[in-house]
Amino acid sequence: MSEWLPDLARRKGPRYLAIAEALSTDIRTGRLASGVRLPTHRDLADALGVTVGTVSRAYAEADRRGLISGEVGRGTFVRGGGARGAGAVPRTGTTPAGPIDLSLNFPMGDIDDRQLAATLTVLSARGGLAPLLEYQPHAGSPRHRAAGASWLARAGVAADPDRVLVACGAQHAMAIVFMALAEPGDVVLAEELTYPGAKTLAALLRLDLRAVDIDDAGIVPESFEKACRAGRPRLLYCMPTIQNPTGSVMTEARRRRVAAIAQRHGVAIVEDDIYGMLAPKRPRPMAAFAPEEGFYISSLSKTIAPGLRIAYLLSPKKHVDRLSSVIRSTTWMAAPLMAEIAAVWIEDGTADASLKRKRAEAAHRQALALSILPKDHLDTHPYSYHMWLRLPAPWTSATFVTRAWQRGVMVTPAESFAVSEPAPAAVRLCLGGTRTREDLERGLKILSETLGGSQQPGMSIV
């Protein structure tokens, strides 16, 4: 067993996140090699002077990021290659002996080999591929920006192609806007429970991320107004449709009120609509109500394939050149070949067919989960890839994550999404992590049994 001890002296924020960040750094720099067995929860807690629950939360966060994996009775180990990202991200839960991973939001119903091969064959026969390996305009070629505008129209967004920028996925699109509009120390607002990637990005850019209250109808306008008056924020990051992690959809009335407040205070709205296409019916995007303040992001990772690193960013006209400069500074341009594949699939109906399959599979899995888990403790959407499980007292997210992990199921604690503390007693469940519905059913039944069982661990997790 490794005697690894993280250096937390200069790390700010919650201790569990500091431990997870230190683990990430030590893996990346080679201090921790692939396959190294990490200290037990209790040993590391004693060495650091923190609680066992803090270490459990840290390990759960590190596992969610793909840094480590564990086996009941054997230990917790640094993953091969240092992270899931070193190779193809495996979907676990496909064998009775394997852990069931309900912690990552995989899309359902992937593009298969034949579809990709057929598209590449068409592109090859068409000719003119060499220019796709050359430098292109930073915001994307006119053809690829037009394809993006066509895709955004499916979400009810009227977009001129000259206002659409092609990015390397939604995370990159978020970074583009954050970097263009905010400087270190600036206040950035987000829903009190938000996508962890937004938290990481804000920390990386040294932005002051603050929470605004949410309820079943979305952002609470009064809380947003108060935050605007108190902090003079530069931007608001939000997910109004199939929010991550709660699955809620902000009502149109709320969107109008929030947009009006943003316009009054000069706050840019960064709308992450990565899951929005899954909802057949939804209110109009926030950008429709605040066209001069709204930035709208739609990615193809959840609707087509995560490896197709293409997202479309709709910007107010006045910011397009500035955003293009940030693209130049970060990646120069999105990969033209990827953007061409995306354009072809948008044009020939492959993207729409993929979206239809994913909606159908999400609906099946949602119905399955609702038949197993207590409905009165769930927040979700009929076409969402994830569910928000509110835990009955006296459960905490840390104890539930640990207990579920001991029984072979991986879920994500509320702390990963909370912008401020304390986090609620809840966990996010992802329904696409297993390739089969049978494995998903097995995992959900384990969680249901765990909810009704003891909170005390049956054995130590190491």
Foldseek 3Di string as FASTA:
>chain_A
DDPDAFDQPPPDDQPLVSLLVSLLVCLVVVVAAFFDFDDFLVVRCVVVVHDSLSPLQSVLVNVLQFQWDFDFPPGITGHHVRGCVSDPNAQWLADPRAFHEQADAAAADADDPVVVVVLVVVDVVVDPCVCLVPFDQLQAHLLLLVLQCLVVVLLVDRADSLQKGKAQAPLRVVLLVCVLFDAAAAEEEEAQFADLSVVVSCVVRNYHYDHAYADLQGGDLVSLLVCCVPGVHQAYEYAQALGPPQGHHHAPVVLLSNLVSCVVSVHAYEYEDQPVSLDSDHDHDSCVNNVQRYKYKYGCCNQHNVVLRIMMIGHRNVCSVSSSVVSCVPPNHHSSVSSVSSSVCSVPVVSVVSSVVSQVVQLVLVVLLPVAAPPVQWGHDNRDQKIKGAADPPAAQSLLQVQLVSVRYRWRHSVSGGPDDDGGRIIMTGRRSHNDSVSSNVSSNSSRVSSVDDSDHPDTHD
